[in-house]
Amino acid sequence: MRTRSPLHGLGAISLLALLAVTACTPDTSGGIELVPPPIQRPDDLASDAPDQAQIRKARAERNRAINAAAAATTPSTSSLAQQEYYSRVESRLLSQGRLRRDRIPQDAPIDAEQLAQNFIRIALRSEYDLKGGGRLSGSQQASPLRRWQDPVRIQLHFGNSADRAEQARVRDEVATYAGRLGRISGHDVALSGGKGNFLVMVLNEDDRRQIDAPLARMVPDLPAGDEAALRDLSPSNLCTVFAYSRGNADRYAQAVAVIRAELPPLLRLSCIHEELAQGLGLANDSPQVRPSIFNDDEEFALLTRHDELLLQILYDPRLQPGMSEAEATPIVRQIARELLPSQT
């Protein structure tokens, strides 16, 4: 159901210039005595503390402004039609027994060899031809192992159509899931209160048509083709993610995901689960992988125990970014046997 966009290296993007920070130590060789500042008394500190009433007032005013903007925004006929359509899609999938939420499904046991093969299909192959400009290839292409080295900080961006309550719901879902991803992988993943390196945009059809300005501000030098793909998202595409590395490196440094605001709650949460996990490096989908969200049959809505194990393998220090399938496979098999010892 969710058509995937490629996750690829990006040479054009200017990312994360490294800053050299030098400690500044006063020179006392000239005999000048440095007098320390007076120690503040508790009442001095209290006088400098922010006024809590002012903080609450500013927060309330900000919330009122967000709600007023949302109330003044009338969704287009197209956006309203999509909202109704995706609601029907969710209902139909549920009636078919899909969008399952069981973490450890009893009807889909896995063993170590199956886990290793599934990791190879999801992390070391791609349905996109990265050498051919990221186009859908029609076959599974070999892909080097990719993951993050820097801490992942998720930055949320909403369009004018989202009121404060809706934003709070999505923030809570993303913050909870980010914490879970961090615990599973052992990598530092968290929701940022400000800027981040993994931008998640929750936009309706009307907001997305005006995506150029916020993208230019938050992700400078994004390739024009990727910007167009995010702006002109096909109706069959509920959500998508692009991840980028510095130059030709195999370590991700930036990611951008778009999730349709018209989605009903479960489909939206399903998109959050899949796009964030794929943006961490589990980039492919395969009809052979089960029980998993990395399968376009929509059988499972949320991250399964099987998917958690894939994420543990991906961030195991014995694997290194840039490894080929041939280099990684024996290590992956060893890790899988350790994770599922009773199944070997």
C-alpha atoms as a PDB file:
ATOM      1  CA  MET A   1       0.000   0.000   0.000  1.00  0.00           C
ATOM      2  CA  ARG A   2       2.712   2.494   0.907  1.00  0.00           C
ATOM      3  CA  THR A   3       4.978   2.971  -2.075  1.00  0.00           C
ATOM      4  CA  ARG A   4       8.508   3.634  -0.925  1.00  0.00           C
ATOM      5  CA  SER A   5      10.836   6.372  -1.982  1.00  0.00           C
ATOM      6  CA  PRO A   6      14.576   5.617  -2.155  1.00  0.00           C
ATOM      7  CA  LEU A   7      16.969   6.154   0.691  1.00  0.00           C
ATOM      8  CA  HIS A   8      20.242   7.131  -0.883  1.00  0.00           C
ATOM      9  CA  GLY A   9      23.535   8.924  -0.464  1.00  0.00           C
ATOM     10  CA  LEU A  10      23.592  12.603  -1.349  1.00  0.00           C
ATOM     11  CA  GLY A  11      26.609  14.484  -2.548  1.00  0.00           C
ATOM     12  CA  ALA A  12      24.788  17.736  -3.288  1.00  0.00           C
ATOM     13  CA  ILE A  13      23.579  18.463   0.220  1.00  0.00           C
ATOM     14  CA  SER A  14      25.707  20.653   2.457  1.00  0.00           C
ATOM     15  CA  LEU A  15      25.365  19.093   5.871  1.00  0.00           C
ATOM     16  CA  LEU A  16      26.632  19.569   9.377  1.00  0.00           C
ATOM     17  CA  ALA A  17      29.774  21.643   8.976  1.00  0.00           C
ATOM     18  CA  LEU A  18      32.157  20.646  11.741  1.00  0.00           C
ATOM     19  CA  LEU A  19      32.997  23.437  14.169  1.00  0.00           C
ATOM     20  CA  ALA A  20      36.351  23.609  15.926  1.00  0.00           C
ATOM     21  CA  VAL A  21      35.790  24.764  19.496  1.00  0.00           C
ATOM     22  CA  THR A  22      38.789  26.179  21.345  1.00  0.00           C
ATOM     23  CA  ALA A  23      38.856  26.539  25.112  1.00  0.00           C
ATOM     24  CA  CYS A  24      39.469  30.143  26.139  1.00  0.00           C
ATOM     25  CA  THR A  25      41.844  30.407  29.131  1.00  0.00           C
ATOM     26  CA  PRO A  26      42.691  33.855  30.554  1.00  0.00           C
ATOM     27  CA  ASP A  27      46.387  34.836  30.390  1.00  0.00           C
ATOM     28  CA  THR A  28      47.621  35.804  33.866  1.00  0.00           C
ATOM     29  CA  SER A  29      51.331  36.038  33.018  1.00  0.00           C
ATOM     30  CA  GLY A  30      51.292  39.847  33.268  1.00  0.00           C
ATOM     31  CA  GLY A  31      50.579  39.731  36.988  1.00  0.00           C
ATOM     32  CA  ILE A  32      46.970  40.774  36.653  1.00  0.00           C
ATOM     33  CA  GLU A  33      44.881  39.271  39.406  1.00  0.00           C
ATOM     34  CA  LEU A  34      41.624  37.769  38.246  1.00  0.00           C
ATOM     35  CA  VAL A  35      38.906  38.541  40.743  1.00  0.00           C
ATOM     36  CA  PRO A  36      36.069  36.036  40.696  1.00  0.00           C
ATOM     37  CA  PRO A  37      32.558  37.436  40.454  1.00  0.00           C
ATOM     38  CA  PRO A  38      30.592  37.665  43.709  1.00  0.00           C
ATOM     39  CA  ILE A  39      28.665  34.564  44.660  1.00  0.00           C
ATOM     40  CA  GLN A  40      24.965  35.005  44.084  1.00  0.00           C
ATOM     41  CA  ARG A  41      22.713  34.687  47.086  1.00  0.00           C
ATOM     42  CA  PRO A  42      19.606  32.507  46.788  1.00  0.00           C
ATOM     43  CA  ASP A  43      17.407  35.602  46.581  1.00  0.00           C
ATOM     44  CA  ASP A  44      19.534  36.900  43.667  1.00  0.00           C
ATOM     45  CA  LEU A  45      19.034  33.615  41.836  1.00  0.00           C
ATOM     46  CA  ALA A  46      15.318  33.707  42.485  1.00  0.00           C
ATOM     47  CA  SER A  47      15.059  37.188  41.021  1.00  0.00           C
ATOM     48  CA  ASP A  48      16.667  35.956  37.773  1.00  0.00           C
ATOM     49  CA  ALA A  49      14.351  32.939  37.466  1.00  0.00           C
ATOM     50  CA  PRO A  50      11.685  33.046  34.748  1.00  0.00           C
ATOM     51  CA  ASP A  51       8.260  34.136  35.923  1.00  0.00           C
ATOM     52  CA  GLN A  52       6.145  30.979  35.787  1.00  0.00           C
ATOM     53  CA  ALA A  53       3.000  32.995  35.236  1.00  0.00           C
ATOM     54  CA  GLN A  54       4.596  34.625  32.200  1.00  0.00           C
ATOM     55  CA  ILE A  55       5.683  31.222  30.851  1.00  0.00           C
ATOM     56  CA  ARG A  56       2.155  29.850  31.224  1.00  0.00           C
ATOM     57  CA  LYS A  57       0.717  32.955  29.580  1.00  0.00           C
ATOM     58  CA  ALA A  58       3.122  32.699  26.626  1.00  0.00           C
ATOM     59  CA  ARG A  59       2.323  28.997  26.217  1.00  0.00           C
ATOM     60  CA  ALA A  60      -1.418  29.673  26.290  1.00  0.00           C
ATOM     61  CA  GLU A  61      -1.059  32.452  23.728  1.00  0.00           C
ATOM     62  CA  ARG A  62       0.986  30.179  21.466  1.00  0.00           C
ATOM     63  CA  ASN A  63      -1.637  27.443  21.730  1.00  0.00           C
ATOM     64  CA  ARG A  64      -4.425  29.892  20.950  1.00  0.00           C
ATOM     65  CA  ALA A  65      -2.538  31.103  17.885  1.00  0.00           C
ATOM     66  CA  ILE A  66      -2.063  27.522  16.632  1.00  0.00           C
ATOM     67  CA  ASN A  67      -5.735  26.695  17.164  1.00  0.00           C
ATOM     68  CA  ALA A  68      -6.841  29.948  15.515  1.00  0.00           C
ATOM     69  CA  ALA A  69      -4.713  29.210  12.459  1.00  0.00           C
ATOM     70  CA  ALA A  70      -6.133  25.686  12.242  1.00  0.00           C
ATOM     71  CA  ALA A  71      -9.717  26.963  12.618  1.00  0.00           C
ATOM     72  CA  ALA A  72      -9.147  29.550   9.897  1.00  0.00           C
ATOM     73  CA  THR A  73      -7.783  26.928   7.518  1.00  0.00           C
ATOM     74  CA  THR A  74     -10.504  25.342   5.413  1.00  0.00           C
ATOM     75  CA  PRO A  75      -9.383  22.037   3.872  1.00  0.00           C
ATOM     76  CA  SER A  76      -9.794  21.818   0.126  1.00  0.00           C
ATOM     77  CA  THR A  77     -12.256  19.457  -1.506  1.00  0.00           C
ATOM     78  CA  SER A  78      -9.310  17.255  -2.462  1.00  0.00           C
ATOM     79  CA  SER A  79      -8.036  17.040   1.130  1.00  0.00           C
ATOM     80  CA  LEU A  80     -11.506  16.231   2.489  1.00  0.00           C
ATOM     81  CA  ALA A  81     -11.978  13.551  -0.165  1.00  0.00           C
ATOM     82  CA  GLN A  82      -8.626  11.997   0.760  1.00  0.00           C
ATOM     83  CA  GLN A  83      -9.594  11.986   4.431  1.00  0.00           C
ATOM     84  CA  GLU A  84     -12.737  10.020   3.620  1.00  0.00           C
ATOM     85  CA  TYR A  85     -10.849   7.707   1.253  1.00  0.00           C
ATOM     86  CA  TYR A  86      -8.105   6.803   3.748  1.00  0.00           C
ATOM     87  CA  SER A  87     -10.706   6.210   6.435  1.00  0.00           C
ATOM     88  CA  ARG A  88     -12.363   3.668   4.142  1.00  0.00           C
ATOM     89  CA  VAL A  89      -8.966   2.115   3.393  1.00  0.00           C
ATOM     90  CA  GLU A  90      -8.270   1.618   7.100  1.00  0.00           C
ATOM     91  CA  SER A  91     -11.728   0.113   7.688  1.00  0.00           C
ATOM     92  CA  ARG A  92     -11.322  -2.259   4.749  1.00  0.00           C
ATOM     93  CA  LEU A  93      -7.876  -3.432   5.857  1.00  0.00           C
ATOM     94  CA  LEU A  94      -9.114  -4.060   9.384  1.00  0.00           C
ATOM     95  CA  SER A  95     -12.106  -6.014   8.061  1.00  0.00           C
ATOM     96  CA  GLN A  96      -9.649  -8.192   6.125  1.00  0.00           C
ATOM     97  CA  GLY A  97      -7.683  -9.000   9.260  1.00  0.00           C
ATOM     98  CA  ARG A  98      -4.806  -6.735   8.320  1.00  0.00           C
ATOM     99  CA  LEU A  99      -3.147  -3.853  10.212  1.00  0.00           C
ATOM    100  CA  ARG A 100      -2.475  -6.300  13.031  1.00  0.00           C
ATOM    101  CA  ARG A 101      -1.002  -4.913  16.235  1.00  0.00           C
ATOM    102  CA  ASP A 102       0.310  -8.088  17.862  1.00  0.00           C
ATOM    103  CA  ARG A 103       4.020  -7.731  18.576  1.00  0.00           C
ATOM    104  CA  ILE A 104       4.744 -11.473  18.692  1.00  0.00           C
ATOM    105  CA  PRO A 105       2.198 -13.186  16.408  1.00  0.00           C
ATOM    106  CA  GLN A 106       1.753 -16.831  17.309  1.00  0.00           C
ATOM    107  CA  ASP A 107       1.029 -17.804  13.702  1.00  0.00           C
ATOM    108  CA  ALA A 108       4.394 -16.550  12.400  1.00  0.00           C
ATOM    109  CA  PRO A 109       7.287 -18.131  14.322  1.00  0.00           C
ATOM    110  CA  ILE A 110      10.816 -17.328  13.171  1.00  0.00           C
ATOM    111  CA  ASP A 111      14.185 -19.009  13.566  1.00  0.00           C
ATOM    112  CA  ALA A 112      17.719 -17.652  13.380  1.00  0.00           C
ATOM    113  CA  GLU A 113      18.262 -18.519   9.708  1.00  0.00           C
ATOM    114  CA  GLN A 114      14.989 -16.899   8.692  1.00  0.00           C
ATOM    115  CA  LEU A 115      15.865 -13.802  10.729  1.00  0.00           C
ATOM    116  CA  ALA A 116      19.278 -13.558   9.020  1.00  0.00           C
ATOM    117  CA  GLN A 117      17.754 -13.928   5.552  1.00  0.00           C
ATOM    118  CA  ASN A 118      15.129 -11.312   6.310  1.00  0.00           C
ATOM    119  CA  PHE A 119      17.794  -8.882   7.508  1.00  0.00           C
ATOM    120  CA  ILE A 120      19.669  -9.318   4.234  1.00  0.00           C
ATOM    121  CA  ARG A 121      16.470  -8.673   2.258  1.00  0.00           C
ATOM    122  CA  ILE A 122      15.628  -5.505   4.204  1.00  0.00           C
ATOM    123  CA  ALA A 123      19.001  -3.923   5.048  1.00  0.00           C
ATOM    124  CA  LEU A 124      21.288  -5.115   2.241  1.00  0.00           C
ATOM    125  CA  ARG A 125      19.056  -4.980  -0.812  1.00  0.00           C
ATOM    126  CA  SER A 126      16.969  -2.291  -2.454  1.00  0.00           C
ATOM    127  CA  GLU A 127      14.128  -2.115  -4.955  1.00  0.00           C
ATOM    128  CA  TYR A 128      15.642   1.167  -6.158  1.00  0.00           C
ATOM    129  CA  ASP A 129      18.571   1.526  -8.528  1.00  0.00           C
ATOM    130  CA  LEU A 130      20.731   3.991  -6.634  1.00  0.00           C
ATOM    131  CA  LYS A 131      23.227   4.228  -9.498  1.00  0.00           C
ATOM    132  CA  GLY A 132      20.375   5.009 -11.854  1.00  0.00           C
ATOM    133  CA  GLY A 133      19.171   8.072  -9.990  1.00  0.00           C
ATOM    134  CA  GLY A 134      17.091   6.263  -7.387  1.00  0.00           C
ATOM    135  CA  ARG A 135      14.489   4.933  -9.811  1.00  0.00           C
ATOM    136  CA  LEU A 136      12.413   1.840  -9.090  1.00  0.00           C
ATOM    137  CA  SER A 137      14.370  -0.969 -10.717  1.00  0.00           C
ATOM    138  CA  GLY A 138      11.809  -3.767 -10.815  1.00  0.00           C
ATOM    139  CA  SER A 139      14.288  -6.120  -9.140  1.00  0.00           C
ATOM    140  CA  GLN A 140      16.204  -6.277  -5.879  1.00  0.00           C
ATOM    141  CA  GLN A 141      19.577  -4.528  -6.151  1.00  0.00           C
ATOM    142  CA  ALA A 142      22.542  -5.117  -3.843  1.00  0.00           C
ATOM    143  CA  SER A 143      22.949  -2.288  -1.346  1.00  0.00           C
ATOM    144  CA  PRO A 144      25.694  -1.647   1.237  1.00  0.00           C
ATOM    145  CA  LEU A 145      24.781  -1.548   4.905  1.00  0.00           C
ATOM    146  CA  ARG A 146      23.735   1.951   5.941  1.00  0.00           C
ATOM    147  CA  ARG A 147      22.888   3.392   9.329  1.00  0.00           C
ATOM    148  CA  TRP A 148      23.390   6.477  11.510  1.00  0.00           C
ATOM    149  CA  GLN A 149      26.502   7.322  13.464  1.00  0.00           C
ATOM    150  CA  ASP A 150      25.394  10.666  14.905  1.00  0.00           C
ATOM    151  CA  PRO A 151      22.560  10.832  17.451  1.00  0.00           C
ATOM    152  CA  VAL A 152      19.198  10.985  15.710  1.00  0.00           C
ATOM    153  CA  ARG A 153      17.088  13.994  16.651  1.00  0.00           C
ATOM    154  CA  ILE A 154      13.568  13.965  15.261  1.00  0.00           C
ATOM    155  CA  GLN A 155      12.114  17.349  14.390  1.00  0.00           C
ATOM    156  CA  LEU A 156       8.359  17.587  13.844  1.00  0.00           C
ATOM    157  CA  HIS A 157       6.744  20.050  11.478  1.00  0.00           C
ATOM    158  CA  PHE A 158       3.003  20.557  11.088  1.00  0.00           C
ATOM    159  CA  GLY A 159       0.957  22.446   8.562  1.00  0.00           C
ATOM    160  CA  ASN A 160      -1.589  25.106   9.452  1.00  0.00           C
ATOM    161  CA  SER A 161      -4.389  22.536   9.407  1.00  0.00           C
ATOM    162  CA  ALA A 162      -3.223  20.813  12.631  1.00  0.00           C
ATOM    163  CA  ASP A 163      -4.596  22.244  15.865  1.00  0.00           C
ATOM    164  CA  ARG A 164      -2.793  22.062  19.195  1.00  0.00           C
ATOM    165  CA  ALA A 165      -4.542  18.857  20.313  1.00  0.00           C
ATOM    166  CA  GLU A 166      -3.655  17.056  17.080  1.00  0.00           C
ATOM    167  CA  GLN A 167      -0.040  18.196  17.301  1.00  0.00           C
ATOM    168  CA  ALA A 168       0.162  16.998  20.904  1.00  0.00           C
ATOM    169  CA  ARG A 169      -1.163  13.544  19.940  1.00  0.00           C
ATOM    170  CA  VAL A 170       1.401  13.139  17.173  1.00  0.00           C
ATOM    171  CA  ARG A 171       4.239  14.426  19.374  1.00  0.00           C
ATOM    172  CA  ASP A 172       3.352  11.893  22.041  1.00  0.00           C
ATOM    173  CA  GLU A 173       3.261   9.051  19.494  1.00  0.00           C
ATOM    174  CA  VAL A 174       6.607  10.041  17.974  1.00  0.00           C
ATOM    175  CA  ALA A 175       8.324  10.650  21.330  1.00  0.00           C
ATOM    176  CA  THR A 176       7.178   7.275  22.672  1.00  0.00           C
ATOM    177  CA  TYR A 177       8.251   5.426  19.548  1.00  0.00           C
ATOM    178  CA  ALA A 178      11.591   7.248  19.296  1.00  0.00           C
ATOM    179  CA  GLY A 179      12.396   6.152  22.825  1.00  0.00           C
ATOM    180  CA  ARG A 180      11.521   2.577  21.917  1.00  0.00           C
ATOM    181  CA  LEU A 181      13.744   2.683  18.817  1.00  0.00           C
ATOM    182  CA  GLY A 182      16.610   3.973  20.913  1.00  0.00           C
ATOM    183  CA  ARG A 183      16.239   1.226  23.511  1.00  0.00           C
ATOM    184  CA  ILE A 184      16.012  -1.492  20.868  1.00  0.00           C
ATOM    185  CA  SER A 185      18.929  -0.345  18.726  1.00  0.00           C
ATOM    186  CA  GLY A 186      21.186   0.998  21.448  1.00  0.00           C
ATOM    187  CA  HIS A 187      21.553   4.119  19.296  1.00  0.00           C
ATOM    188  CA  ASP A 188      20.661   7.601  20.544  1.00  0.00           C
ATOM    189  CA  VAL A 189      17.209   8.393  19.098  1.00  0.00           C
ATOM    190  CA  ALA A 190      14.910  11.055  20.550  1.00  0.00           C
ATOM    191  CA  LEU A 191      12.335  13.686  19.701  1.00  0.00           C
ATOM    192  CA  SER A 192      13.917  17.128  19.590  1.00  0.00           C
ATOM    193  CA  GLY A 193      12.337  20.186  21.138  1.00  0.00           C
ATOM    194  CA  GLY A 194      13.848  22.291  18.359  1.00  0.00           C
ATOM    195  CA  LYS A 195      15.947  21.589  15.299  1.00  0.00           C
ATOM    196  CA  GLY A 196      16.844  18.042  14.349  1.00  0.00           C
ATOM    197  CA  ASN A 197      18.483  15.915  11.660  1.00  0.00           C
ATOM    198  CA  PHE A 198      15.433  13.709  10.985  1.00  0.00           C
ATOM    199  CA  LEU A 199      12.590  15.936   9.833  1.00  0.00           C
ATOM    200  CA  VAL A 200       9.064  14.462  10.021  1.00  0.00           C
ATOM    201  CA  MET A 201       6.448  16.586   8.269  1.00  0.00           C
ATOM    202  CA  VAL A 202       2.764  15.878   8.965  1.00  0.00           C
ATOM    203  CA  LEU A 203       0.903  17.677   6.193  1.00  0.00           C
ATOM    204  CA  ASN A 204      -2.446  17.550   4.498  1.00  0.00           C
ATOM    205  CA  GLU A 205      -2.822  17.911   0.728  1.00  0.00           C
ATOM    206  CA  ASP A 206      -3.007  21.710   0.895  1.00  0.00           C
ATOM    207  CA  ASP A 207      -0.034  22.078   3.273  1.00  0.00           C
ATOM    208  CA  ARG A 208       2.075  19.747   1.143  1.00  0.00           C
ATOM    209  CA  ARG A 209       1.520  21.839  -1.987  1.00  0.00           C
ATOM    210  CA  GLN A 210       3.351  24.623  -0.156  1.00  0.00           C
ATOM    211  CA  ILE A 211       6.174  22.424   1.099  1.00  0.00           C
ATOM    212  CA  ASP A 212       8.926  24.227  -0.815  1.00  0.00           C
ATOM    213  CA  ALA A 213       9.395  27.102   1.652  1.00  0.00           C
ATOM    214  CA  PRO A 214       9.643  25.026   4.871  1.00  0.00           C
ATOM    215  CA  LEU A 215      11.894  22.492   3.150  1.00  0.00           C
ATOM    216  CA  ALA A 216      14.207  25.237   1.912  1.00  0.00           C
ATOM    217  CA  ARG A 217      14.390  26.612   5.450  1.00  0.00           C
ATOM    218  CA  MET A 218      14.853  23.324   7.330  1.00  0.00           C
ATOM    219  CA  VAL A 219      16.728  21.168   4.777  1.00  0.00           C
ATOM    220  CA  PRO A 220      18.774  23.505   2.573  1.00  0.00           C
ATOM    221  CA  ASP A 221      20.041  22.153  -0.768  1.00  0.00           C
ATOM    222  CA  LEU A 222      17.547  19.298  -0.925  1.00  0.00           C
ATOM    223  CA  PRO A 223      17.678  17.965  -4.511  1.00  0.00           C
ATOM    224  CA  ALA A 224      14.920  19.395  -6.677  1.00  0.00           C
ATOM    225  CA  GLY A 225      13.753  15.932  -7.679  1.00  0.00           C
ATOM    226  CA  ASP A 226      13.294  14.858  -4.065  1.00  0.00           C
ATOM    227  CA  GLU A 227      11.502  18.092  -3.210  1.00  0.00           C
ATOM    228  CA  ALA A 228       9.117  17.497  -6.117  1.00  0.00           C
ATOM    229  CA  ALA A 229       8.540  13.884  -5.029  1.00  0.00           C
ATOM    230  CA  LEU A 230       7.548  15.032  -1.544  1.00  0.00           C
ATOM    231  CA  ARG A 231       5.340  17.828  -2.864  1.00  0.00           C
ATOM    232  CA  ASP A 232       3.623  15.719  -5.538  1.00  0.00           C
ATOM    233  CA  LEU A 233       3.087  12.593  -3.442  1.00  0.00           C
ATOM    234  CA  SER A 234       0.887  10.085  -5.240  1.00  0.00           C
ATOM    235  CA  PRO A 235      -2.500   9.377  -3.565  1.00  0.00           C
ATOM    236  CA  SER A 236      -1.396   5.721  -3.286  1.00  0.00           C
ATOM    237  CA  ASN A 237       1.535   6.866  -1.169  1.00  0.00           C
ATOM    238  CA  LEU A 238       0.463   7.327   2.444  1.00  0.00           C
ATOM    239  CA  CYS A 239       3.913   8.327   3.649  1.00  0.00           C
ATOM    240  CA  THR A 240       7.515   8.262   2.522  1.00  0.00           C
ATOM    241  CA  VAL A 241      11.056   8.873   3.748  1.00  0.00           C
ATOM    242  CA  PHE A 242      14.315  10.010   2.188  1.00  0.00           C
ATOM    243  CA  ALA A 243      17.620   9.555   4.036  1.00  0.00           C
ATOM    244  CA  TYR A 244      20.921  11.124   3.049  1.00  0.00           C
ATOM    245  CA  SER A 245      24.596  10.702   3.777  1.00  0.00           C
ATOM    246  CA  ARG A 246      27.479  13.120   3.482  1.00  0.00           C
ATOM    247  CA  GLY A 247      28.927  12.704   0.002  1.00  0.00           C
ATOM    248  CA  ASN A 248      29.420   9.017  -0.761  1.00  0.00           C
ATOM    249  CA  ALA A 249      29.569   7.880   2.863  1.00  0.00           C
ATOM    250  CA  ASP A 250      27.396   5.029   4.109  1.00  0.00           C
ATOM    251  CA  ARG A 251      26.435   6.792   7.338  1.00  0.00           C
ATOM    252  CA  TYR A 252      23.190   8.709   7.296  1.00  0.00           C
ATOM    253  CA  ALA A 253      23.313  12.346   8.373  1.00  0.00           C
ATOM    254  CA  GLN A 254      19.885  13.698   7.394  1.00  0.00           C
ATOM    255  CA  ALA A 255      16.407  12.307   6.762  1.00  0.00           C
ATOM    256  CA  VAL A 256      13.069  13.746   5.679  1.00  0.00           C
ATOM    257  CA  ALA A 257       9.744  11.963   6.050  1.00  0.00           C
ATOM    258  CA  VAL A 258       6.277  13.084   4.982  1.00  0.00           C
ATOM    259  CA  ILE A 259       3.124  11.629   6.527  1.00  0.00           C
ATOM    260  CA  ARG A 260      -0.326  12.548   5.270  1.00  0.00           C
ATOM    261  CA  ALA A 261      -2.375  14.438   7.857  1.00  0.00           C
ATOM    262  CA  GLU A 262      -5.563  13.014   6.331  1.00  0.00           C
ATOM    263  CA  LEU A 263      -4.765   9.517   7.625  1.00  0.00           C
ATOM    264  CA  PRO A 264      -6.943   8.010  10.349  1.00  0.00           C
ATOM    265  CA  PRO A 265      -5.203   7.219  13.672  1.00  0.00           C
ATOM    266  CA  LEU A 266      -4.004   3.649  13.047  1.00  0.00           C
ATOM    267  CA  LEU A 267      -2.697   4.272   9.527  1.00  0.00           C
ATOM    268  CA  ARG A 268      -0.916   7.382  10.788  1.00  0.00           C
ATOM    269  CA  LEU A 269       0.717   5.445  13.629  1.00  0.00           C
ATOM    270  CA  SER A 270       1.637   2.691  11.161  1.00  0.00           C
ATOM    271  CA  CYS A 271       3.384   5.282   8.994  1.00  0.00           C
ATOM    272  CA  ILE A 272       5.268   6.647  12.000  1.00  0.00           C
ATOM    273  CA  HIS A 273       6.458   3.144  12.877  1.00  0.00           C
ATOM    274  CA  GLU A 274       7.594   2.223   9.390  1.00  0.00           C
ATOM    275  CA  GLU A 275       9.097   5.498   8.163  1.00  0.00           C
ATOM    276  CA  LEU A 276      11.176   6.111  11.284  1.00  0.00           C
ATOM    277  CA  ALA A 277      12.489   2.541  11.281  1.00  0.00           C
ATOM    278  CA  GLN A 278      13.247   2.662   7.568  1.00  0.00           C
ATOM    279  CA  GLY A 279      14.961   6.019   8.015  1.00  0.00           C
ATOM    280  CA  LEU A 280      17.297   4.372  10.541  1.00  0.00           C
ATOM    281  CA  GLY A 281      18.567   1.976   7.874  1.00  0.00           C
ATOM    282  CA  LEU A 282      16.004  -0.825   7.373  1.00  0.00           C
ATOM    283  CA  ALA A 283      15.214   0.720   4.029  1.00  0.00           C
ATOM    284  CA  ASN A 284      13.752  -2.025   1.862  1.00  0.00           C
ATOM    285  CA  ASP A 285      10.405  -3.836   1.636  1.00  0.00           C
ATOM    286  CA  SER A 286       9.960  -7.481   0.699  1.00  0.00           C
ATOM    287  CA  PRO A 287       6.878  -9.705   0.301  1.00  0.00           C
ATOM    288  CA  GLN A 288       8.965 -12.588   1.695  1.00  0.00           C
ATOM    289  CA  VAL A 289       9.528 -10.944   5.088  1.00  0.00           C
ATOM    290  CA  ARG A 290       7.046 -11.882   7.815  1.00  0.00           C
ATOM    291  CA  PRO A 291       5.956 -11.013  10.466  1.00  0.00           C
ATOM    292  CA  SER A 292       6.986  -7.474   9.637  1.00  0.00           C
ATOM    293  CA  ILE A 293       5.943  -3.945   8.772  1.00  0.00           C
ATOM    294  CA  PHE A 294       8.576  -4.038   5.996  1.00  0.00           C
ATOM    295  CA  ASN A 295       6.098  -5.742   3.713  1.00  0.00           C
ATOM    296  CA  ASP A 296       3.607  -3.867   1.537  1.00  0.00           C
ATOM    297  CA  ASP A 297       0.776  -6.323   2.216  1.00  0.00           C
ATOM    298  CA  GLU A 298      -0.139  -4.246   5.320  1.00  0.00           C
ATOM    299  CA  GLU A 299      -0.647  -7.371   7.439  1.00  0.00           C
ATOM    300  CA  PHE A 300       1.077  -5.708  10.392  1.00  0.00           C
ATOM    301  CA  ALA A 301       0.552  -2.080  11.330  1.00  0.00           C
ATOM    302  CA  LEU A 302       3.169  -1.720  14.059  1.00  0.00           C
ATOM    303  CA  LEU A 303       6.750  -2.791  14.699  1.00  0.00           C
ATOM    304  CA  THR A 304       6.889  -6.495  15.569  1.00  0.00           C
ATOM    305  CA  ARG A 305       9.407  -8.388  17.706  1.00  0.00           C
ATOM    306  CA  HIS A 306      10.875  -9.675  14.441  1.00  0.00           C
ATOM    307  CA  ASP A 307      11.457  -6.060  13.319  1.00  0.00           C
ATOM    308  CA  GLU A 308      13.023  -5.174  16.656  1.00  0.00           C
ATOM    309  CA  LEU A 309      15.550  -7.972  16.121  1.00  0.00           C
ATOM    310  CA  LEU A 310      16.358  -6.604  12.657  1.00  0.00           C
ATOM    311  CA  LEU A 311      17.082  -3.232  14.248  1.00  0.00           C
ATOM    312  CA  GLN A 312      19.297  -4.843  16.897  1.00  0.00           C
ATOM    313  CA  ILE A 313      21.295  -6.575  14.167  1.00  0.00           C
ATOM    314  CA  LEU A 314      21.626  -3.359  12.151  1.00  0.00           C
ATOM    315  CA  TYR A 315      23.209  -1.458  15.049  1.00  0.00           C
ATOM    316  CA  ASP A 316      25.353  -4.293  16.364  1.00  0.00           C
ATOM    317  CA  PRO A 317      28.954  -2.935  16.524  1.00  0.00           C
ATOM    318  CA  ARG A 318      30.275  -6.023  14.731  1.00  0.00           C
ATOM    319  CA  LEU A 319      28.651  -4.689  11.574  1.00  0.00           C
ATOM    320  CA  GLN A 320      30.019  -1.563   9.936  1.00  0.00           C
ATOM    321  CA  PRO A 321      28.450   0.888   7.472  1.00  0.00           C
ATOM    322  CA  GLY A 322      29.503   0.161   3.918  1.00  0.00           C
ATOM    323  CA  MET A 323      29.700  -3.616   4.350  1.00  0.00           C
ATOM    324  CA  SER A 324      28.517  -5.618   1.359  1.00  0.00           C
ATOM    325  CA  GLU A 325      26.135  -8.549   1.613  1.00  0.00           C
ATOM    326  CA  ALA A 326      29.055 -10.979   1.281  1.00  0.00           C
ATOM    327  CA  GLU A 327      30.980  -9.258   4.082  1.00  0.00           C
ATOM    328  CA  ALA A 328      28.004  -8.889   6.403  1.00  0.00           C
ATOM    329  CA  THR A 329      26.245 -12.252   5.961  1.00  0.00           C
ATOM    330  CA  PRO A 330      28.415 -14.454   8.239  1.00  0.00           C
ATOM    331  CA  ILE A 331      28.311 -11.808  10.976  1.00  0.00           C
ATOM    332  CA  VAL A 332      24.549 -11.395  10.581  1.00  0.00           C
ATOM    333  CA  ARG A 333      24.064 -15.157  10.914  1.00  0.00           C
ATOM    334  CA  GLN A 334      26.140 -15.237  14.091  1.00  0.00           C
ATOM    335  CA  ILE A 335      24.181 -12.353  15.635  1.00  0.00           C
ATOM    336  CA  ALA A 336      20.876 -14.000  14.657  1.00  0.00           C
ATOM    337  CA  ARG A 337      21.919 -17.240  16.382  1.00  0.00           C
ATOM    338  CA  GLU A 338      22.740 -15.264  19.521  1.00  0.00           C
ATOM    339  CA  LEU A 339      19.400 -13.442  19.450  1.00  0.00           C
ATOM    340  CA  LEU A 340      17.427 -16.652  18.881  1.00  0.00           C
ATOM    341  CA  PRO A 341      19.533 -19.366  20.520  1.00  0.00           C
ATOM    342  CA  SER A 342      16.628 -21.687  21.236  1.00  0.00           C
ATOM    343  CA  GLN A 343      15.645 -21.652  17.561  1.00  0.00           C
ATOM    344  CA  THR A 344      18.988 -22.859  16.188  1.00  0.00           C
END
